[in-house]
PDB file of N, CA and C in Angstrom:
ATOM      1  N   UNK A   1     -16.417  10.949 -23.098  1.00  0.00           N
ATOM      2  CA  UNK A   1     -16.594   9.632 -22.498  1.00  0.00           C
ATOM      3  C   UNK A   1     -15.251   8.922 -22.329  1.00  0.00           C
ATOM      4  N   UNK A   2     -14.471   8.919 -23.399  1.00  0.00           N
ATOM      5  CA  UNK A   2     -13.168   8.241 -23.351  1.00  0.00           C
ATOM      6  C   UNK A   2     -12.222   8.940 -22.380  1.00  0.00           C
ATOM      7  N   UNK A   3     -12.306  10.261 -22.315  1.00  0.00           N
ATOM      8  CA  UNK A   3     -11.421  11.007 -21.409  1.00  0.00           C
ATOM      9  C   UNK A   3     -11.740  10.704 -19.947  1.00  0.00           C
ATOM     10  N   UNK A   4     -13.013  10.497 -19.633  1.00  0.00           N
ATOM     11  CA  UNK A   4     -13.380  10.163 -18.259  1.00  0.00           C
ATOM     12  C   UNK A   4     -12.831   8.804 -17.863  1.00  0.00           C
ATOM     13  N   UNK A   5     -12.880   7.857 -18.782  1.00  0.00           N
ATOM     14  CA  UNK A   5     -12.340   6.528 -18.507  1.00  0.00           C
ATOM     15  C   UNK A   5     -10.830   6.597 -18.332  1.00  0.00           C
ATOM     16  N   UNK A   6     -10.180   7.387 -19.191  1.00  0.00           N
ATOM     17  CA  UNK A   6      -8.726   7.530 -19.092  1.00  0.00           C
ATOM     18  C   UNK A   6      -8.325   8.202 -17.772  1.00  0.00           C
ATOM     19  N   UNK A   7      -9.108   9.177 -17.310  1.00  0.00           N
ATOM     20  CA  UNK A   7      -8.807   9.830 -16.040  1.00  0.00           C
ATOM     21  C   UNK A   7      -8.954   8.859 -14.875  1.00  0.00           C
ATOM     22  N   UNK A   8      -9.957   7.993 -14.921  1.00  0.00           N
ATOM     23  CA  UNK A   8     -10.144   7.004 -13.858  1.00  0.00           C
ATOM     24  C   UNK A   8      -9.008   5.984 -13.853  1.00  0.00           C
ATOM     25  N   UNK A   9      -8.583   5.545 -15.030  1.00  0.00           N
ATOM     26  CA  UNK A   9      -7.461   4.602 -15.125  1.00  0.00           C
ATOM     27  C   UNK A   9      -6.184   5.261 -14.625  1.00  0.00           C
ATOM     28  N   UNK A  10      -5.969   6.509 -15.008  1.00  0.00           N
ATOM     29  CA  UNK A  10      -4.786   7.238 -14.555  1.00  0.00           C
ATOM     30  C   UNK A  10      -4.796   7.393 -13.028  1.00  0.00           C
ATOM     31  N   UNK A  11      -5.951   7.721 -12.459  1.00  0.00           N
ATOM     32  CA  UNK A  11      -6.055   7.870 -11.008  1.00  0.00           C
ATOM     33  C   UNK A  11      -5.790   6.561 -10.283  1.00  0.00           C
ATOM     34  N   UNK A  12      -6.293   5.454 -10.841  1.00  0.00           N
ATOM     35  CA  UNK A  12      -6.066   4.146 -10.229  1.00  0.00           C
ATOM     36  C   UNK A  12      -4.593   3.756 -10.299  1.00  0.00           C
ATOM     37  N   UNK A  13      -3.959   3.963 -11.450  1.00  0.00           N
ATOM     38  CA  UNK A  13      -2.531   3.651 -11.571  1.00  0.00           C
ATOM     39  C   UNK A  13      -1.697   4.513 -10.627  1.00  0.00           C
ATOM     40  N   UNK A  14      -2.090   5.762 -10.467  1.00  0.00           N
ATOM     41  CA  UNK A  14      -1.379   6.657  -9.556  1.00  0.00           C
ATOM     42  C   UNK A  14      -1.482   6.158  -8.116  1.00  0.00           C
ATOM     43  N   UNK A  15      -2.679   5.732  -7.711  1.00  0.00           N
ATOM     44  CA  UNK A  15      -2.857   5.207  -6.347  1.00  0.00           C
ATOM     45  C   UNK A  15      -2.074   3.914  -6.138  1.00  0.00           C
ATOM     46  N   UNK A  16      -2.004   3.047  -7.163  1.00  0.00           N
ATOM     47  CA  UNK A  16      -1.249   1.796  -7.059  1.00  0.00           C
ATOM     48  C   UNK A  16       0.235   2.094  -6.877  1.00  0.00           C
ATOM     49  N   UNK A  17       0.771   3.021  -7.665  1.00  0.00           N
ATOM     50  CA  UNK A  17       2.195   3.352  -7.567  1.00  0.00           C
ATOM     51  C   UNK A  17       2.509   3.994  -6.226  1.00  0.00           C
ATOM     52  N   UNK A  18       1.662   4.897  -5.761  1.00  0.00           N
ATOM     53  CA  UNK A  18       1.886   5.542  -4.463  1.00  0.00           C
ATOM     54  C   UNK A  18       1.807   4.521  -3.332  1.00  0.00           C
ATOM     55  N   UNK A  19       0.884   3.577  -3.432  1.00  0.00           N
ATOM     56  CA  UNK A  19       0.748   2.551  -2.393  1.00  0.00           C
ATOM     57  C   UNK A  19       1.970   1.641  -2.342  1.00  0.00           C
ATOM     58  N   UNK A  20       2.468   1.236  -3.504  1.00  0.00           N
ATOM     59  CA  UNK A  20       3.668   0.394  -3.531  1.00  0.00           C
ATOM     60  C   UNK A  20       4.873   1.152  -2.978  1.00  0.00           C
ATOM     61  N   UNK A  21       4.994   2.428  -3.314  1.00  0.00           N
ATOM     62  CA  UNK A  21       6.082   3.236  -2.780  1.00  0.00           C
ATOM     63  C   UNK A  21       5.961   3.417  -1.277  1.00  0.00           C
ATOM     64  N   UNK A  22       4.742   3.590  -0.791  1.00  0.00           N
ATOM     65  CA  UNK A  22       4.508   3.729   0.644  1.00  0.00           C
ATOM     66  C   UNK A  22       4.907   2.458   1.389  1.00  0.00           C
ATOM     67  N   UNK A  23       4.547   1.306   0.845  1.00  0.00           N
ATOM     68  CA  UNK A  23       4.949   0.037   1.466  1.00  0.00           C
ATOM     69  C   UNK A  23       6.462  -0.130   1.451  1.00  0.00           C
ATOM     70  N   UNK A  24       7.091   0.224   0.331  1.00  0.00           N
ATOM     71  CA  UNK A  24       8.541   0.096   0.231  1.00  0.00           C
ATOM     72  C   UNK A  24       9.241   1.011   1.232  1.00  0.00           C
ATOM     73  N   UNK A  25       8.763   2.246   1.355  1.00  0.00           N
ATOM     74  CA  UNK A  25       9.400   3.162   2.302  1.00  0.00           C
ATOM     75  C   UNK A  25       9.160   2.729   3.748  1.00  0.00           C
ATOM     76  N   UNK A  26       7.980   2.172   4.037  1.00  0.00           N
ATOM     77  CA  UNK A  26       7.723   1.637   5.374  1.00  0.00           C
ATOM     78  C   UNK A  26       8.702   0.503   5.673  1.00  0.00           C
ATOM     79  N   UNK A  27       8.884  -0.398   4.727  1.00  0.00           N
ATOM     80  CA  UNK A  27       9.812  -1.518   4.922  1.00  0.00           C
ATOM     81  C   UNK A  27      11.246  -1.029   5.072  1.00  0.00           C
ATOM     82  N   UNK A  28      11.592   0.020   4.361  1.00  0.00           N
ATOM     83  CA  UNK A  28      12.944   0.570   4.450  1.00  0.00           C
ATOM     84  C   UNK A  28      13.201   1.173   5.829  1.00  0.00           C
ATOM     85  N   UNK A  29      12.206   1.849   6.379  1.00  0.00           N
ATOM     86  CA  UNK A  29      12.357   2.476   7.687  1.00  0.00           C
ATOM     87  C   UNK A  29      12.343   1.427   8.794  1.00  0.00           C
ATOM     88  N   UNK A  30      11.485   0.418   8.676  1.00  0.00           N
ATOM     89  CA  UNK A  30      11.317  -0.564   9.746  1.00  0.00           C
ATOM     90  C   UNK A  30      12.260  -1.773   9.630  1.00  0.00           C
ATOM     91  N   UNK A  31      13.074  -1.831   8.597  1.00  0.00           N
ATOM     92  CA  UNK A  31      13.964  -2.985   8.436  1.00  0.00           C
ATOM     93  C   UNK A  31      14.979  -3.147   9.570  1.00  0.00           C
ATOM     94  N   UNK A  32      15.509  -2.080  10.193  1.00  0.00           N
ATOM     95  CA  UNK A  32      16.396  -2.315  11.345  1.00  0.00           C
ATOM     96  C   UNK A  32      15.700  -3.029  12.506  1.00  0.00           C
ATOM     97  N   UNK A  33      14.387  -2.868  12.620  1.00  0.00           N
ATOM     98  CA  UNK A  33      13.640  -3.546  13.680  1.00  0.00           C
ATOM     99  C   UNK A  33      13.141  -4.920  13.241  1.00  0.00           C
ATOM    100  N   UNK A  34      13.456  -5.283  12.020  1.00  0.00           N
ATOM    101  CA  UNK A  34      13.071  -6.573  11.434  1.00  0.00           C
ATOM    102  C   UNK A  34      11.544  -6.727  11.356  1.00  0.00           C
ATOM    103  N   UNK A  35      10.870  -5.636  11.036  1.00  0.00           N
ATOM    104  CA  UNK A  35       9.421  -5.638  10.834  1.00  0.00           C
ATOM    105  C   UNK A  35       9.177  -5.314   9.367  1.00  0.00           C
ATOM    106  N   UNK A  36       8.742  -6.283   8.596  1.00  0.00           N
ATOM    107  CA  UNK A  36       8.539  -6.099   7.164  1.00  0.00           C
ATOM    108  C   UNK A  36       7.140  -6.549   6.769  1.00  0.00           C
ATOM    109  N   UNK A  37       6.480  -5.742   5.966  1.00  0.00           N
ATOM    110  CA  UNK A  37       5.200  -6.107   5.366  1.00  0.00           C
ATOM    111  C   UNK A  37       5.490  -6.436   3.910  1.00  0.00           C
ATOM    112  N   UNK A  38       5.167  -7.631   3.457  1.00  0.00           N
ATOM    113  CA  UNK A  38       5.495  -7.999   2.079  1.00  0.00           C
ATOM    114  C   UNK A  38       4.745  -7.134   1.067  1.00  0.00           C
ATOM    115  N   UNK A  39       5.407  -6.842  -0.024  1.00  0.00           N
ATOM    116  CA  UNK A  39       4.785  -6.071  -1.100  1.00  0.00           C
ATOM    117  C   UNK A  39       4.234  -7.070  -2.108  1.00  0.00           C
ATOM    118  N   UNK A  40       2.932  -7.283  -2.054  1.00  0.00           N
ATOM    119  CA  UNK A  40       2.278  -8.184  -3.000  1.00  0.00           C
ATOM    120  C   UNK A  40       0.926  -7.600  -3.386  1.00  0.00           C
ATOM    121  N   UNK A  41       0.185  -8.328  -4.166  1.00  0.00           N
ATOM    122  CA  UNK A  41      -1.076  -7.833  -4.704  1.00  0.00           C
ATOM    123  C   UNK A  41      -2.087  -7.520  -3.604  1.00  0.00           C
ATOM    124  N   UNK A  42      -2.130  -8.347  -2.585  1.00  0.00           N
ATOM    125  CA  UNK A  42      -3.113  -8.157  -1.516  1.00  0.00           C
ATOM    126  C   UNK A  42      -2.792  -6.916  -0.683  1.00  0.00           C
ATOM    127  N   UNK A  43      -1.541  -6.756  -0.284  1.00  0.00           N
ATOM    128  CA  UNK A  43      -1.196  -5.614   0.562  1.00  0.00           C
ATOM    129  C   UNK A  43      -1.302  -4.299  -0.208  1.00  0.00           C
ATOM    130  N   UNK A  44      -0.896  -4.301  -1.465  1.00  0.00           N
ATOM    131  CA  UNK A  44      -1.014  -3.074  -2.266  1.00  0.00           C
ATOM    132  C   UNK A  44      -2.475  -2.731  -2.500  1.00  0.00           C
ATOM    133  N   UNK A  45      -3.317  -3.737  -2.736  1.00  0.00           N
ATOM    134  CA  UNK A  45      -4.738  -3.451  -2.953  1.00  0.00           C
ATOM    135  C   UNK A  45      -5.399  -2.940  -1.673  1.00  0.00           C
ATOM    136  N   UNK A  46      -4.969  -3.426  -0.512  1.00  0.00           N
ATOM    137  CA  UNK A  46      -5.491  -2.897   0.752  1.00  0.00           C
ATOM    138  C   UNK A  46      -5.116  -1.425   0.897  1.00  0.00           C
ATOM    139  N   UNK A  47      -3.885  -1.088   0.533  1.00  0.00           N
ATOM    140  CA  UNK A  47      -3.472   0.307   0.622  1.00  0.00           C
ATOM    141  C   UNK A  47      -4.155   1.181  -0.415  1.00  0.00           C
ATOM    142  N   UNK A  48      -4.433   0.643  -1.591  1.00  0.00           N
ATOM    143  CA  UNK A  48      -5.149   1.421  -2.610  1.00  0.00           C
ATOM    144  C   UNK A  48      -6.543   1.771  -2.117  1.00  0.00           C
ATOM    145  N   UNK A  49      -7.204   0.821  -1.480  1.00  0.00           N
ATOM    146  CA  UNK A  49      -8.573   1.054  -1.023  1.00  0.00           C
ATOM    147  C   UNK A  49      -8.600   1.888   0.255  1.00  0.00           C
ATOM    148  N   UNK A  50      -7.757   1.563   1.233  1.00  0.00           N
ATOM    149  CA  UNK A  50      -7.847   2.188   2.552  1.00  0.00           C
ATOM    150  C   UNK A  50      -6.857   3.329   2.793  1.00  0.00           C
ATOM    151  N   UNK A  51      -5.735   3.336   2.115  1.00  0.00           N
ATOM    152  CA  UNK A  51      -4.741   4.391   2.299  1.00  0.00           C
ATOM    153  C   UNK A  51      -3.912   4.179   3.553  1.00  0.00           C
ATOM    154  N   UNK A  52      -3.607   5.265   4.246  1.00  0.00           N
ATOM    155  CA  UNK A  52      -2.771   5.221   5.452  1.00  0.00           C
ATOM    156  C   UNK A  52      -3.404   4.371   6.560  1.00  0.00           C
ATOM    157  N   UNK A  53      -4.719   4.448   6.791  1.00  0.00           N
ATOM    158  CA  UNK A  53      -5.296   3.550   7.801  1.00  0.00           C
ATOM    159  C   UNK A  53      -5.101   2.070   7.441  1.00  0.00           C
ATOM    160  N   UNK A  54      -5.032   1.763   6.164  1.00  0.00           N
ATOM    161  CA  UNK A  54      -4.749   0.390   5.749  1.00  0.00           C
ATOM    162  C   UNK A  54      -3.340  -0.032   6.129  1.00  0.00           C
ATOM    163  N   UNK A  55      -2.380   0.889   6.001  1.00  0.00           N
ATOM    164  CA  UNK A  55      -1.007   0.595   6.398  1.00  0.00           C
ATOM    165  C   UNK A  55      -0.926   0.380   7.904  1.00  0.00           C
ATOM    166  N   UNK A  56      -1.617   1.209   8.648  1.00  0.00           N
ATOM    167  CA  UNK A  56      -1.621   1.057  10.102  1.00  0.00           C
ATOM    168  C   UNK A  56      -2.262  -0.266  10.506  1.00  0.00           C
ATOM    169  N   UNK A  57      -3.350  -0.627   9.835  1.00  0.00           N
ATOM    170  CA  UNK A  57      -4.011  -1.897  10.169  1.00  0.00           C
ATOM    171  C   UNK A  57      -3.138  -3.089   9.794  1.00  0.00           C
ATOM    172  N   UNK A  58      -2.423  -3.007   8.664  1.00  0.00           N
ATOM    173  CA  UNK A  58      -1.500  -4.089   8.308  1.00  0.00           C
ATOM    174  C   UNK A  58      -0.386  -4.216   9.348  1.00  0.00           C
ATOM    175  N   UNK A  59       0.092  -3.082   9.846  1.00  0.00           N
ATOM    176  CA  UNK A  59       1.133  -3.087  10.869  1.00  0.00           C
ATOM    177  C   UNK A  59       0.618  -3.713  12.173  1.00  0.00           C
ATOM    178  N   UNK A  60      -0.598  -3.366  12.574  1.00  0.00           N
ATOM    179  CA  UNK A  60      -1.183  -3.918  13.789  1.00  0.00           C
ATOM    180  C   UNK A  60      -1.416  -5.421  13.636  1.00  0.00           C
ATOM    181  N   UNK A  61      -1.904  -5.842  12.472  1.00  0.00           N
ATOM    182  CA  UNK A  61      -2.105  -7.275  12.217  1.00  0.00           C
ATOM    183  C   UNK A  61      -0.776  -8.009  12.273  1.00  0.00           C
ATOM    184  N   UNK A  62       0.270  -7.400  11.697  1.00  0.00           N
ATOM    185  CA  UNK A  62       1.590  -8.026  11.721  1.00  0.00           C
ATOM    186  C   UNK A  62       2.094  -8.172  13.148  1.00  0.00           C
ATOM    187  N   UNK A  63       1.913  -7.157  13.973  1.00  0.00           N
ATOM    188  CA  UNK A  63       2.357  -7.234  15.371  1.00  0.00           C
ATOM    189  C   UNK A  63       1.519  -8.250  16.156  1.00  0.00           C
ATOM    190  N   UNK A  64       0.238  -8.329  15.843  1.00  0.00           N
ATOM    191  CA  UNK A  64      -0.642  -9.271  16.547  1.00  0.00           C
ATOM    192  C   UNK A  64      -0.311 -10.719  16.198  1.00  0.00           C
ATOM    193  N   UNK A  65      -0.002 -10.963  14.939  1.00  0.00           N
ATOM    194  CA  UNK A  65       0.285 -12.339  14.495  1.00  0.00           C
ATOM    195  C   UNK A  65       1.648 -12.790  15.019  1.00  0.00           C
ATOM    196  N   UNK A  66       2.642 -11.905  14.978  1.00  0.00           N
ATOM    197  CA  UNK A  66       3.973 -12.296  15.435  1.00  0.00           C
ATOM    198  C   UNK A  66       4.179 -11.735  16.797  1.00  0.00           C
TER     199      UNK A  66
END
């Protein structure tokens, strides 16, 4: 029972770290074009839930708003 909970926590932490790294690398690549998505709780949680389609949707929303 405890091992299953620990595996779920480990998987969630892994997804959070990968999502933050993905946002950081996106910002690093797009910084010459002055297109930045802020790294905060909301954007990281969107990426944790949706993954790459979440990043694409954040990018489209950013282009639509600005």
